């Protein structure tokens, strides 16, 4: 299916967060498109080229995101007799604990699984190009532990605070780079706190 010069359909009224989350994770292409548009402005054509999917297929899912008021149209450019539409996300792919609780377990797993796939892909790409360990101040830490309910809650709050401070660092960096003209360092930061199954104890 070729791109047409039609303006995407008008947005619907904003839906509840649990509805929009379920809609995002309803299809892998939609989730990937939303992730890309959280990172930068892009067109369905560019997204299709990046993820190796048909433009018409990607365009359908981008329009779904637009109807959910999760992305916005920011530019239109004439390309070979058609008009290419460029979008960006209107909100980050983040939810509160209460919003996440409103999803079913399969929906939560789908959301998390895709996030982990992106993280693994980022690590693999960084290692393949030998930049992962190039900086001596990079950090990778795995800390297995056993905690009680209060301890798990403390860890959750600690990592939530880390996320908030991380976004503050990003904002300050953007302000400095605007003034200095510095290109910046492409960076991924990740934070995980999750329960794992208990190991089977040996039978005596």
N, C-alpha and C. Protein backbone atom coordinates (compact mmCIF):
# COMPACT_ATOMS: atom_id res chain seq x y z
N UNK A 1 0.85 -1.21 0.00
CA UNK A 1 0.00 0.00 0.00
C UNK A 1 0.88 1.25 0.00
N UNK A 2 0.61 2.21 -0.88
CA UNK A 2 1.41 3.42 -0.97
C UNK A 2 0.86 4.49 -0.04
N UNK A 3 1.78 5.39 0.36
CA UNK A 3 1.38 6.54 1.15
C UNK A 3 0.47 7.44 0.31
N UNK A 4 -0.55 7.99 0.90
CA UNK A 4 -1.42 8.93 0.21
C UNK A 4 -1.24 10.31 0.81
N UNK A 5 -1.85 11.31 0.20
CA UNK A 5 -1.72 12.67 0.71
C UNK A 5 -2.89 13.06 1.60
N UNK A 6 -3.57 12.07 2.13
CA UNK A 6 -4.67 12.38 3.04
C UNK A 6 -4.14 12.76 4.41
N UNK A 7 -4.80 13.73 5.04
CA UNK A 7 -4.47 14.08 6.41
C UNK A 7 -4.99 12.96 7.31
N UNK A 8 -4.20 12.51 8.31
CA UNK A 8 -4.68 11.44 9.19
C UNK A 8 -5.99 11.83 9.86
N UNK A 9 -6.82 10.85 10.23
CA UNK A 9 -8.11 11.15 10.83
C UNK A 9 -7.98 11.92 12.13
N UNK A 10 -9.02 12.67 12.45
CA UNK A 10 -9.00 13.47 13.67
C UNK A 10 -8.89 12.59 14.90
N UNK A 11 -8.27 13.15 15.93
CA UNK A 11 -8.09 12.40 17.16
C UNK A 11 -9.41 12.25 17.90
N UNK A 12 -9.53 11.16 18.59
CA UNK A 12 -10.69 10.97 19.46
C UNK A 12 -10.39 11.59 20.81
N UNK A 13 -11.38 11.63 21.67
CA UNK A 13 -11.16 12.13 23.03
C UNK A 13 -10.16 11.22 23.74
N UNK A 14 -9.37 11.82 24.62
CA UNK A 14 -8.35 11.05 25.33
C UNK A 14 -8.99 9.90 26.09
N UNK A 15 -8.40 8.72 25.95
CA UNK A 15 -8.92 7.53 26.61
C UNK A 15 -8.23 7.32 27.96
N UNK A 16 -8.86 6.57 28.87
CA UNK A 16 -8.20 6.27 30.14
C UNK A 16 -6.86 5.58 29.91
N UNK A 17 -5.91 5.78 30.84
CA UNK A 17 -4.57 5.23 30.64
C UNK A 17 -4.57 3.72 30.50
N UNK A 18 -5.42 3.01 31.27
CA UNK A 18 -5.42 1.56 31.15
C UNK A 18 -5.88 1.12 29.76
N UNK A 19 -6.76 1.91 29.15
CA UNK A 19 -7.21 1.60 27.80
C UNK A 19 -6.11 1.85 26.79
N UNK A 20 -5.40 2.97 26.93
CA UNK A 20 -4.35 3.28 25.97
C UNK A 20 -3.18 2.32 26.10
N UNK A 21 -2.84 1.92 27.31
CA UNK A 21 -1.77 0.95 27.50
C UNK A 21 -2.11 -0.36 26.81
N UNK A 22 -3.32 -0.81 27.01
CA UNK A 22 -3.74 -2.06 26.38
C UNK A 22 -3.70 -1.93 24.86
N UNK A 23 -4.05 -0.75 24.35
CA UNK A 23 -4.04 -0.53 22.90
C UNK A 23 -2.61 -0.53 22.36
N UNK A 24 -1.67 0.03 23.12
CA UNK A 24 -0.28 0.06 22.69
C UNK A 24 0.29 -1.35 22.58
N UNK A 25 0.06 -2.15 23.61
CA UNK A 25 0.66 -3.49 23.63
C UNK A 25 -0.15 -4.50 22.83
N UNK A 26 -1.26 -4.05 22.22
CA UNK A 26 -2.12 -4.97 21.47
C UNK A 26 -1.42 -5.51 20.23
N UNK A 27 -0.42 -4.80 19.73
CA UNK A 27 0.27 -5.27 18.53
C UNK A 27 1.74 -4.84 18.61
N UNK A 28 2.68 -5.73 18.27
CA UNK A 28 4.11 -5.40 18.36
C UNK A 28 4.51 -4.19 17.51
N UNK A 29 3.93 -4.06 16.33
CA UNK A 29 4.27 -2.92 15.47
C UNK A 29 3.86 -1.61 16.12
N UNK A 30 2.70 -1.60 16.76
CA UNK A 30 2.23 -0.39 17.42
C UNK A 30 3.15 -0.02 18.58
N UNK A 31 3.58 -1.02 19.33
CA UNK A 31 4.48 -0.77 20.46
C UNK A 31 5.82 -0.25 19.96
N UNK A 32 6.34 -0.82 18.89
CA UNK A 32 7.62 -0.37 18.36
C UNK A 32 7.51 1.05 17.80
N UNK A 33 6.42 1.34 17.12
CA UNK A 33 6.23 2.69 16.58
C UNK A 33 6.15 3.71 17.70
N UNK A 34 5.41 3.39 18.76
CA UNK A 34 5.28 4.32 19.88
C UNK A 34 6.62 4.56 20.57
N UNK A 35 7.43 3.49 20.69
CA UNK A 35 8.75 3.63 21.30
C UNK A 35 9.64 4.55 20.47
N UNK A 36 9.64 4.37 19.16
CA UNK A 36 10.44 5.21 18.28
C UNK A 36 9.99 6.67 18.37
N UNK A 37 8.68 6.89 18.40
CA UNK A 37 8.17 8.26 18.45
C UNK A 37 8.35 8.90 19.81
N UNK A 38 8.64 8.10 20.84
CA UNK A 38 9.03 8.65 22.13
C UNK A 38 10.46 9.17 22.09
N UNK A 39 11.25 8.60 21.17
CA UNK A 39 12.66 8.98 21.09
C UNK A 39 12.90 10.14 20.12
N UNK A 40 12.08 10.24 19.07
CA UNK A 40 12.33 11.26 18.06
C UNK A 40 11.08 11.44 17.17
N UNK A 41 11.12 12.48 16.33
CA UNK A 41 10.10 12.68 15.32
C UNK A 41 10.39 11.77 14.14
N UNK A 42 9.36 11.12 13.60
CA UNK A 42 9.55 10.20 12.48
C UNK A 42 8.25 10.05 11.70
N UNK A 43 8.37 9.58 10.49
CA UNK A 43 7.21 9.31 9.63
C UNK A 43 6.97 7.81 9.57
N UNK A 44 5.77 7.37 9.17
CA UNK A 44 5.54 5.93 8.99
C UNK A 44 6.54 5.30 8.02
N UNK A 45 6.95 6.05 7.01
CA UNK A 45 7.93 5.53 6.05
C UNK A 45 9.24 5.22 6.76
N UNK A 46 9.71 6.17 7.59
CA UNK A 46 10.97 5.97 8.31
C UNK A 46 10.87 4.83 9.31
N UNK A 47 9.72 4.76 10.01
CA UNK A 47 9.52 3.68 10.99
C UNK A 47 9.50 2.34 10.27
N UNK A 48 8.81 2.26 9.13
CA UNK A 48 8.73 1.02 8.37
C UNK A 48 10.11 0.56 7.93
N UNK A 49 10.95 1.49 7.49
CA UNK A 49 12.29 1.14 7.07
C UNK A 49 13.12 0.63 8.25
N UNK A 50 12.93 1.24 9.41
CA UNK A 50 13.72 0.85 10.59
C UNK A 50 13.35 -0.53 11.10
N UNK A 51 12.06 -0.85 11.10
CA UNK A 51 11.64 -2.13 11.68
C UNK A 51 11.37 -3.20 10.63
N UNK A 52 11.54 -2.85 9.35
CA UNK A 52 11.39 -3.84 8.29
C UNK A 52 9.96 -4.30 8.05
N UNK A 53 9.02 -3.37 8.13
CA UNK A 53 7.61 -3.69 7.91
C UNK A 53 7.05 -2.87 6.74
N UNK A 54 5.90 -3.30 6.20
CA UNK A 54 5.24 -2.59 5.12
C UNK A 54 4.74 -1.23 5.60
N UNK A 55 4.88 -0.22 4.74
CA UNK A 55 4.49 1.14 5.11
C UNK A 55 3.00 1.23 5.45
N UNK A 56 2.17 0.57 4.67
CA UNK A 56 0.74 0.60 4.95
C UNK A 56 0.41 0.00 6.30
N UNK A 57 1.09 -1.09 6.64
CA UNK A 57 0.89 -1.75 7.93
C UNK A 57 1.30 -0.82 9.08
N UNK A 58 2.45 -0.19 8.93
CA UNK A 58 2.93 0.74 9.97
C UNK A 58 2.01 1.96 10.05
N UNK A 59 1.60 2.48 8.90
CA UNK A 59 0.73 3.64 8.89
C UNK A 59 -0.57 3.40 9.62
N UNK A 60 -1.11 2.20 9.50
CA UNK A 60 -2.35 1.85 10.21
C UNK A 60 -2.16 1.98 11.71
N UNK A 61 -1.05 1.44 12.23
CA UNK A 61 -0.82 1.47 13.67
C UNK A 61 -0.46 2.86 14.16
N UNK A 62 0.20 3.64 13.32
CA UNK A 62 0.49 5.03 13.69
C UNK A 62 -0.81 5.82 13.80
N UNK A 63 -1.74 5.58 12.89
CA UNK A 63 -3.04 6.26 12.96
C UNK A 63 -3.80 5.87 14.23
N UNK A 64 -3.65 4.62 14.66
CA UNK A 64 -4.28 4.19 15.91
C UNK A 64 -3.72 4.98 17.09
N UNK A 65 -2.40 5.17 17.10
CA UNK A 65 -1.77 5.95 18.17
C UNK A 65 -2.25 7.40 18.13
N UNK A 66 -2.45 7.92 16.93
CA UNK A 66 -2.93 9.29 16.78
C UNK A 66 -4.35 9.42 17.32
N UNK A 67 -5.20 8.44 17.01
CA UNK A 67 -6.58 8.47 17.47
C UNK A 67 -6.67 8.38 19.00
N UNK A 68 -5.67 7.74 19.63
CA UNK A 68 -5.63 7.62 21.08
C UNK A 68 -5.01 8.84 21.75
N UNK A 69 -4.63 9.84 20.93
CA UNK A 69 -4.04 11.08 21.45
C UNK A 69 -2.70 10.83 22.12
N UNK A 70 -1.97 9.81 21.66
CA UNK A 70 -0.66 9.50 22.21
C UNK A 70 0.46 10.14 21.39
N UNK A 71 0.19 10.47 20.14
CA UNK A 71 1.16 11.13 19.29
C UNK A 71 0.48 12.31 18.61
N UNK A 72 1.29 13.19 18.02
CA UNK A 72 0.74 14.34 17.31
C UNK A 72 1.45 14.53 15.97
N UNK A 73 0.73 15.06 15.00
CA UNK A 73 1.31 15.39 13.69
C UNK A 73 2.06 16.70 13.82
N UNK A 74 3.35 16.69 13.47
CA UNK A 74 4.17 17.90 13.65
C UNK A 74 4.68 18.48 12.34
N UNK A 75 4.61 17.71 11.26
CA UNK A 75 5.12 18.24 10.00
C UNK A 75 4.57 17.42 8.83
N UNK A 76 4.51 18.05 7.65
CA UNK A 76 4.12 17.39 6.42
C UNK A 76 5.08 17.85 5.32
N UNK A 77 5.58 16.88 4.54
CA UNK A 77 6.53 17.24 3.48
C UNK A 77 6.14 16.54 2.19
N UNK A 78 6.14 17.28 1.07
CA UNK A 78 5.83 16.64 -0.22
C UNK A 78 6.96 15.71 -0.64
N UNK A 79 6.61 14.48 -1.02
CA UNK A 79 7.60 13.50 -1.45
C UNK A 79 7.06 12.74 -2.65
N UNK A 80 7.64 12.96 -3.80
CA UNK A 80 7.28 12.24 -5.02
C UNK A 80 5.77 12.20 -5.27
N UNK A 81 5.13 13.37 -5.25
CA UNK A 81 3.72 13.47 -5.56
C UNK A 81 2.79 13.12 -4.41
N UNK A 82 3.34 12.76 -3.25
CA UNK A 82 2.52 12.47 -2.06
C UNK A 82 2.97 13.38 -0.93
N UNK A 83 2.37 13.21 0.23
CA UNK A 83 2.73 13.99 1.40
C UNK A 83 3.15 13.03 2.51
N UNK A 84 4.37 13.20 3.00
CA UNK A 84 4.86 12.36 4.10
C UNK A 84 4.56 13.06 5.42
N UNK A 85 3.93 12.33 6.34
CA UNK A 85 3.53 12.89 7.63
C UNK A 85 4.54 12.50 8.71
N UNK A 86 4.88 13.46 9.56
CA UNK A 86 5.86 13.24 10.62
C UNK A 86 5.18 13.44 11.98
N UNK A 87 5.45 12.51 12.88
CA UNK A 87 4.78 12.50 14.19
C UNK A 87 5.80 12.47 15.32
N UNK A 88 5.33 12.79 16.50
CA UNK A 88 6.12 12.60 17.71
C UNK A 88 5.17 12.26 18.85
N UNK A 89 5.69 11.59 19.86
CA UNK A 89 4.87 11.19 21.00
C UNK A 89 4.53 12.41 21.86
N UNK A 90 3.34 12.39 22.43
CA UNK A 90 2.91 13.48 23.30
C UNK A 90 3.17 13.17 24.76
N UNK A 91 3.51 11.91 25.06
CA UNK A 91 3.81 11.54 26.43
C UNK A 91 4.78 10.37 26.41
N UNK A 92 5.55 10.23 27.46
CA UNK A 92 6.50 9.14 27.55
C UNK A 92 5.77 7.83 27.81
N UNK A 93 6.41 6.74 27.44
CA UNK A 93 5.82 5.41 27.66
C UNK A 93 6.05 4.99 29.11
N UNK A 94 5.48 5.77 30.03
CA UNK A 94 5.62 5.50 31.46
C UNK A 94 4.25 5.53 32.11
N UNK A 95 4.06 4.72 33.11
CA UNK A 95 2.78 4.67 33.81
C UNK A 95 3.02 4.59 35.30
N UNK A 96 2.01 4.96 36.06
CA UNK A 96 2.10 4.86 37.50
C UNK A 96 1.77 3.43 37.93
N UNK A 97 2.03 3.14 39.18
CA UNK A 97 1.72 1.81 39.71
C UNK A 97 0.22 1.54 39.65
N UNK A 98 -0.59 2.57 39.92
CA UNK A 98 -2.04 2.41 39.89
C UNK A 98 -2.53 2.12 38.47
N UNK A 99 -1.96 2.82 37.49
CA UNK A 99 -2.36 2.59 36.10
C UNK A 99 -1.95 1.19 35.64
N UNK A 100 -0.76 0.76 36.05
CA UNK A 100 -0.28 -0.56 35.66
C UNK A 100 -1.14 -1.64 36.30
N UNK A 101 -1.61 -1.38 37.52
CA UNK A 101 -2.43 -2.37 38.22
C UNK A 101 -3.76 -2.60 37.52
N UNK A 102 -4.21 -1.62 36.73
CA UNK A 102 -5.48 -1.76 36.04
C UNK A 102 -5.39 -2.69 34.83
N UNK A 103 -4.17 -3.05 34.42
CA UNK A 103 -3.99 -3.95 33.29
C UNK A 103 -4.05 -5.40 33.76
N UNK A 104 -4.36 -6.29 32.83
CA UNK A 104 -4.32 -7.72 33.13
C UNK A 104 -2.86 -8.18 33.17
N UNK A 105 -2.60 -9.35 33.76
CA UNK A 105 -1.25 -9.89 33.80
C UNK A 105 -0.67 -10.06 32.40
N UNK A 106 -1.41 -10.64 31.44
CA UNK A 106 -0.86 -10.75 30.08
C UNK A 106 -0.52 -9.40 29.46
N UNK A 107 -1.34 -8.36 29.72
CA UNK A 107 -1.05 -7.03 29.19
C UNK A 107 0.21 -6.46 29.82
N UNK A 108 0.36 -6.66 31.13
CA UNK A 108 1.58 -6.18 31.80
C UNK A 108 2.81 -6.89 31.25
N UNK A 109 2.68 -8.22 31.08
CA UNK A 109 3.81 -9.00 30.56
C UNK A 109 4.18 -8.55 29.15
N UNK A 110 3.17 -8.25 28.33
CA UNK A 110 3.45 -7.78 26.98
C UNK A 110 4.19 -6.46 26.98
N UNK A 111 3.77 -5.55 27.84
CA UNK A 111 4.42 -4.25 27.97
C UNK A 111 5.86 -4.42 28.42
N UNK A 112 6.07 -5.26 29.45
CA UNK A 112 7.41 -5.49 29.99
C UNK A 112 8.30 -6.25 29.01
N UNK A 113 7.71 -7.24 28.35
CA UNK A 113 8.51 -8.06 27.41
C UNK A 113 9.08 -7.19 26.30
N UNK A 114 8.27 -6.28 25.78
CA UNK A 114 8.77 -5.44 24.71
C UNK A 114 9.87 -4.50 25.22
N UNK A 115 9.69 -3.97 26.43
CA UNK A 115 10.73 -3.12 27.00
C UNK A 115 12.05 -3.86 27.15
N UNK A 116 11.98 -5.11 27.58
CA UNK A 116 13.19 -5.91 27.73
C UNK A 116 13.82 -6.23 26.37
N UNK A 117 12.99 -6.47 25.38
CA UNK A 117 13.52 -6.73 24.04
C UNK A 117 14.30 -5.52 23.52
N UNK A 118 13.76 -4.33 23.77
CA UNK A 118 14.45 -3.12 23.37
C UNK A 118 15.78 -2.98 24.10
N UNK A 119 15.77 -3.27 25.40
CA UNK A 119 16.98 -3.14 26.20
C UNK A 119 18.06 -4.12 25.73
N UNK A 120 17.67 -5.36 25.51
CA UNK A 120 18.62 -6.36 25.02
C UNK A 120 19.18 -5.95 23.66
N UNK A 121 18.32 -5.43 22.79
CA UNK A 121 18.77 -4.98 21.47
C UNK A 121 19.76 -3.82 21.60
N UNK A 122 19.50 -2.90 22.54
CA UNK A 122 20.42 -1.78 22.76
C UNK A 122 21.79 -2.28 23.21
N UNK A 123 21.79 -3.22 24.16
CA UNK A 123 23.04 -3.77 24.68
C UNK A 123 23.80 -4.50 23.57
N UNK A 124 23.10 -5.32 22.79
CA UNK A 124 23.74 -6.08 21.72
C UNK A 124 24.37 -5.14 20.69
N UNK A 125 23.63 -4.10 20.31
CA UNK A 125 24.15 -3.15 19.32
C UNK A 125 25.38 -2.42 19.85
N UNK A 126 25.33 -2.04 21.13
CA UNK A 126 26.46 -1.35 21.74
C UNK A 126 27.70 -2.24 21.82
N UNK A 127 27.49 -3.51 22.19
CA UNK A 127 28.62 -4.44 22.27
C UNK A 127 29.17 -4.78 20.90
N UNK A 128 28.29 -4.97 19.92
CA UNK A 128 28.73 -5.29 18.57
C UNK A 128 29.64 -4.21 18.00
N UNK A 129 29.33 -2.96 18.34
CA UNK A 129 30.12 -1.84 17.82
C UNK A 129 31.22 -1.41 18.79
N UNK A 130 31.41 -2.22 19.84
CA UNK A 130 32.50 -2.05 20.81
C UNK A 130 32.52 -0.67 21.48
N UNK A 131 31.33 -0.20 21.83
CA UNK A 131 31.25 1.05 22.59
C UNK A 131 30.69 0.81 23.99
N UNK A 132 30.16 -0.37 24.25
CA UNK A 132 29.53 -0.64 25.54
C UNK A 132 30.49 -0.41 26.70
N UNK A 133 31.72 -0.91 26.57
CA UNK A 133 32.71 -0.81 27.65
C UNK A 133 33.76 0.26 27.38
N UNK A 134 33.51 1.11 26.39
CA UNK A 134 34.51 2.11 26.02
C UNK A 134 34.74 3.13 27.14
N UNK A 135 33.71 3.45 27.87
CA UNK A 135 33.83 4.41 28.97
C UNK A 135 34.02 3.67 30.29
N UNK A 136 35.05 4.04 31.02
CA UNK A 136 35.33 3.33 32.28
C UNK A 136 34.31 3.64 33.36
N UNK A 137 33.51 4.71 33.19
CA UNK A 137 32.51 5.05 34.19
C UNK A 137 31.11 4.53 33.82
N UNK A 138 31.04 3.60 32.86
CA UNK A 138 29.74 2.98 32.59
C UNK A 138 29.42 2.03 33.75
N UNK A 139 28.16 1.71 33.92
CA UNK A 139 27.73 0.89 35.05
C UNK A 139 26.85 -0.26 34.59
N UNK A 140 27.14 -1.45 35.06
CA UNK A 140 26.24 -2.59 34.93
C UNK A 140 26.31 -3.34 36.24
N UNK A 141 25.17 -3.51 36.87
CA UNK A 141 25.14 -4.13 38.19
C UNK A 141 23.95 -5.08 38.31
N UNK A 142 24.21 -6.25 38.82
CA UNK A 142 23.15 -7.23 39.10
C UNK A 142 23.28 -7.62 40.57
N UNK A 143 22.21 -7.43 41.33
CA UNK A 143 22.29 -7.64 42.78
C UNK A 143 21.15 -8.54 43.25
N UNK A 144 21.32 -9.84 43.19
CA UNK A 144 20.29 -10.74 43.74
C UNK A 144 20.21 -10.56 45.25
N UNK A 145 19.02 -10.59 45.80
CA UNK A 145 18.84 -10.42 47.24
C UNK A 145 17.51 -11.00 47.68
N UNK A 146 17.34 -11.13 48.97
CA UNK A 146 16.07 -11.54 49.57
C UNK A 146 15.64 -10.43 50.50
N UNK A 147 14.44 -9.88 50.29
CA UNK A 147 13.93 -8.79 51.11
C UNK A 147 12.50 -9.11 51.54
N UNK A 148 12.03 -8.40 52.57
CA UNK A 148 10.64 -8.57 52.98
C UNK A 148 9.77 -7.60 52.18
N UNK A 149 8.46 -7.57 52.48
CA UNK A 149 7.54 -6.71 51.73
C UNK A 149 7.94 -5.24 51.82
N UNK A 150 8.33 -4.80 53.03
CA UNK A 150 8.75 -3.41 53.20
C UNK A 150 10.01 -3.12 52.39
N UNK A 151 10.92 -4.08 52.35
CA UNK A 151 12.15 -3.90 51.60
C UNK A 151 11.89 -3.77 50.11
N UNK A 152 10.96 -4.59 49.59
CA UNK A 152 10.63 -4.51 48.16
C UNK A 152 10.02 -3.15 47.85
N UNK A 153 9.17 -2.66 48.75
CA UNK A 153 8.56 -1.35 48.54
C UNK A 153 9.63 -0.25 48.55
N UNK A 154 10.60 -0.36 49.45
CA UNK A 154 11.69 0.61 49.51
C UNK A 154 12.50 0.61 48.22
N UNK A 155 12.78 -0.58 47.68
CA UNK A 155 13.51 -0.67 46.42
C UNK A 155 12.72 -0.03 45.28
N UNK A 156 11.42 -0.28 45.26
CA UNK A 156 10.58 0.30 44.23
C UNK A 156 10.61 1.82 44.29
N UNK A 157 10.50 2.38 45.49
CA UNK A 157 10.54 3.83 45.66
C UNK A 157 11.90 4.39 45.27
N UNK A 158 12.97 3.65 45.61
CA UNK A 158 14.32 4.10 45.29
C UNK A 158 14.52 4.20 43.78
N UNK A 159 14.05 3.20 43.03
CA UNK A 159 14.23 3.20 41.59
C UNK A 159 13.29 4.20 40.90
N UNK A 160 12.14 4.47 41.52
CA UNK A 160 11.26 5.52 41.00
C UNK A 160 11.93 6.88 41.13
N UNK A 161 12.57 7.10 42.27
CA UNK A 161 13.31 8.35 42.47
C UNK A 161 14.46 8.46 41.48
N UNK A 162 15.13 7.33 41.21
CA UNK A 162 16.22 7.33 40.24
C UNK A 162 15.72 7.74 38.86
N UNK A 163 14.56 7.25 38.47
CA UNK A 163 13.98 7.61 37.17
C UNK A 163 13.70 9.10 37.10
N UNK A 164 13.13 9.65 38.16
CA UNK A 164 12.82 11.07 38.19
C UNK A 164 14.08 11.91 38.07
N UNK A 165 15.13 11.51 38.78
CA UNK A 165 16.40 12.24 38.72
C UNK A 165 17.06 12.08 37.35
N UNK A 166 16.88 10.91 36.75
CA UNK A 166 17.43 10.67 35.41
C UNK A 166 16.84 11.65 34.40
N UNK A 167 15.52 11.87 34.48
CA UNK A 167 14.86 12.80 33.56
C UNK A 167 15.32 14.23 33.80
N UNK A 168 15.64 14.54 35.06
CA UNK A 168 16.17 15.87 35.37
C UNK A 168 17.55 16.06 34.75
N UNK A 169 18.38 15.01 34.79
CA UNK A 169 19.70 15.06 34.16
C UNK A 169 19.55 15.29 32.65
N UNK A 170 18.60 14.58 32.04
CA UNK A 170 18.37 14.73 30.60
C UNK A 170 17.98 16.16 30.27
N UNK A 171 17.11 16.76 31.08
CA UNK A 171 16.65 18.12 30.82
C UNK A 171 17.81 19.12 30.94
N UNK A 172 18.64 18.96 31.97
CA UNK A 172 19.78 19.87 32.15
C UNK A 172 20.78 19.71 31.01
N UNK A 173 21.00 18.47 30.58
CA UNK A 173 21.92 18.23 29.47
C UNK A 173 21.42 18.88 28.19
N UNK A 174 20.12 18.75 27.93
CA UNK A 174 19.54 19.34 26.72
C UNK A 174 19.72 20.85 26.72
N UNK A 175 19.54 21.47 27.89
CA UNK A 175 19.71 22.92 28.00
C UNK A 175 21.15 23.33 27.72
N UNK A 176 22.10 22.57 28.29
CA UNK A 176 23.51 22.90 28.07
C UNK A 176 23.92 22.69 26.61
N UNK A 177 23.43 21.59 26.00
CA UNK A 177 23.80 21.31 24.61
C UNK A 177 23.21 22.33 23.64
N UNK A 178 22.05 22.88 23.98
CA UNK A 178 21.47 23.93 23.15
C UNK A 178 22.38 25.15 23.11
N UNK A 179 23.00 25.45 24.22
CA UNK A 179 23.89 26.61 24.30
C UNK A 179 25.26 26.32 23.70
N UNK A 180 25.78 25.11 23.93
CA UNK A 180 27.14 24.78 23.50
C UNK A 180 27.24 24.25 22.07
N UNK A 181 26.12 23.68 21.57
CA UNK A 181 26.16 23.08 20.24
C UNK A 181 26.75 21.68 20.24
N UNK A 182 27.02 21.14 21.41
CA UNK A 182 27.59 19.78 21.53
C UNK A 182 26.60 18.75 20.98
N UNK A 183 27.13 17.74 20.27
CA UNK A 183 26.28 16.69 19.71
C UNK A 183 25.63 15.84 20.78
N UNK A 184 26.34 15.57 21.86
CA UNK A 184 25.82 14.74 22.93
C UNK A 184 26.21 13.28 22.78
N UNK A 185 26.00 12.51 23.81
CA UNK A 185 26.37 11.09 23.87
C UNK A 185 25.09 10.27 23.88
N UNK A 186 24.90 9.45 22.87
CA UNK A 186 23.73 8.57 22.84
C UNK A 186 23.83 7.58 23.99
N UNK A 187 22.86 7.59 24.87
CA UNK A 187 22.94 6.84 26.13
C UNK A 187 21.64 6.11 26.41
N UNK A 188 21.74 4.93 26.99
CA UNK A 188 20.58 4.22 27.50
C UNK A 188 20.80 3.97 28.98
N UNK A 189 19.81 4.30 29.79
CA UNK A 189 19.86 3.97 31.21
C UNK A 189 18.67 3.10 31.53
N UNK A 190 18.87 2.09 32.34
CA UNK A 190 17.80 1.15 32.67
C UNK A 190 17.80 0.88 34.17
N UNK A 191 16.62 0.62 34.70
CA UNK A 191 16.48 0.32 36.12
C UNK A 191 15.44 -0.78 36.27
N UNK A 192 15.79 -1.84 36.98
CA UNK A 192 14.90 -2.99 37.13
C UNK A 192 14.79 -3.40 38.59
N UNK A 193 13.59 -3.64 39.04
CA UNK A 193 13.34 -4.29 40.33
C UNK A 193 12.22 -5.28 40.09
N UNK A 194 12.47 -6.57 40.29
CA UNK A 194 11.43 -7.56 40.01
C UNK A 194 11.65 -8.81 40.86
N UNK A 195 10.55 -9.50 41.09
CA UNK A 195 10.59 -10.75 41.86
C UNK A 195 10.97 -11.90 40.92
N UNK A 196 11.74 -12.83 41.44
CA UNK A 196 12.09 -14.03 40.67
C UNK A 196 11.59 -15.27 41.43
N UNK A 197 11.34 -16.38 40.72
CA UNK A 197 10.90 -17.59 41.41
C UNK A 197 11.95 -18.07 42.40
N UNK A 198 11.50 -18.64 43.47
CA UNK A 198 12.44 -19.18 44.46
C UNK A 198 13.09 -20.44 43.89
N UNK A 199 14.38 -20.59 44.18
CA UNK A 199 15.10 -21.78 43.72
C UNK A 199 14.61 -22.99 44.50
N UNK A 200 14.52 -24.11 43.78
CA UNK A 200 14.13 -25.35 44.44
C UNK A 200 15.22 -25.78 45.41
N UNK A 201 14.81 -26.04 46.63
CA UNK A 201 15.77 -26.50 47.63
C UNK A 201 16.04 -27.99 47.48
N UNK A 202 17.27 -28.40 47.63
CA UNK A 202 17.58 -29.82 47.50
C UNK A 202 16.84 -30.66 48.53
N UNK A 203 16.37 -31.81 48.11
CA UNK A 203 15.66 -32.70 49.02
C UNK A 203 16.66 -33.41 49.90
N UNK A 204 16.42 -33.40 51.22
CA UNK A 204 17.34 -34.06 52.16
C UNK A 204 17.02 -35.54 52.26
